[in-house]
Amino acid sequence: MYRPPPLDRDLLQGDVLRAIPIIEEATVEHRPQTGPLENLQQEARSKVSHRMVAILSHSCDTTPRTPLGNPIVVSPLKDIPAHFQQQIREHGGPERINSVSEPTFLNWFYFAPTEALGNQEWLVDFTRVTSVRFSKLQNAEKLTELTSAAREALKLKLHLHFCRPEDEPGAEPAHRGTA
């Protein structure tokens, strides 16, 4: 699943980076003041943590030619929840998560244990993505790099998650090819 060291210096889709600041929670509090609506004050608060993240942006968007302010889409790695582990075992084990023939895990991508990731299993949740400026990532420590085959599996899973064809109400049924 992972390329052996030395790792490529370029950032590639599927790379896992260490300690990237991620906004975990953001809230806006409205405090009306006496007087006109223009006096409405807002106070924004956010909880930021430094997490391992996987790059989800396409590799061509993460090259040194990328303008430093351009956003790169990432997703934090998360532990496999205990309640989810049973479901994974029932469907053939963690390797099945990355299978496109297993619709149960359409929103997830599995990262197998490796020393670089603390010898722990991790998941990336495609429903939990955020963007980070390229300038914040370019000097980040790369922990792992996927093999070409694993990167292709990630691309396919991303495609299936974000490009699910749905029929619009009142429209002709969409043509669906086989995958």
Foldseek 3Di string as FASTA:
>chain_A
DFDDDPDDLFAAAFWKFWFFKDFPDKDKDWDDDPDDPVRIDIDIDTDIGGAIKGFHAHSVCGGPVNPQQDKTKIFGWDAQDPVVQVVQVVVPHDVCLLPPVDVVNLQKDWDAADVLVVRGIIIGGNVGMDIDGSNSVSPTDTSTDHDPVSSVSSVVSNCCNPPPDDDDVPDDDDDDDDD
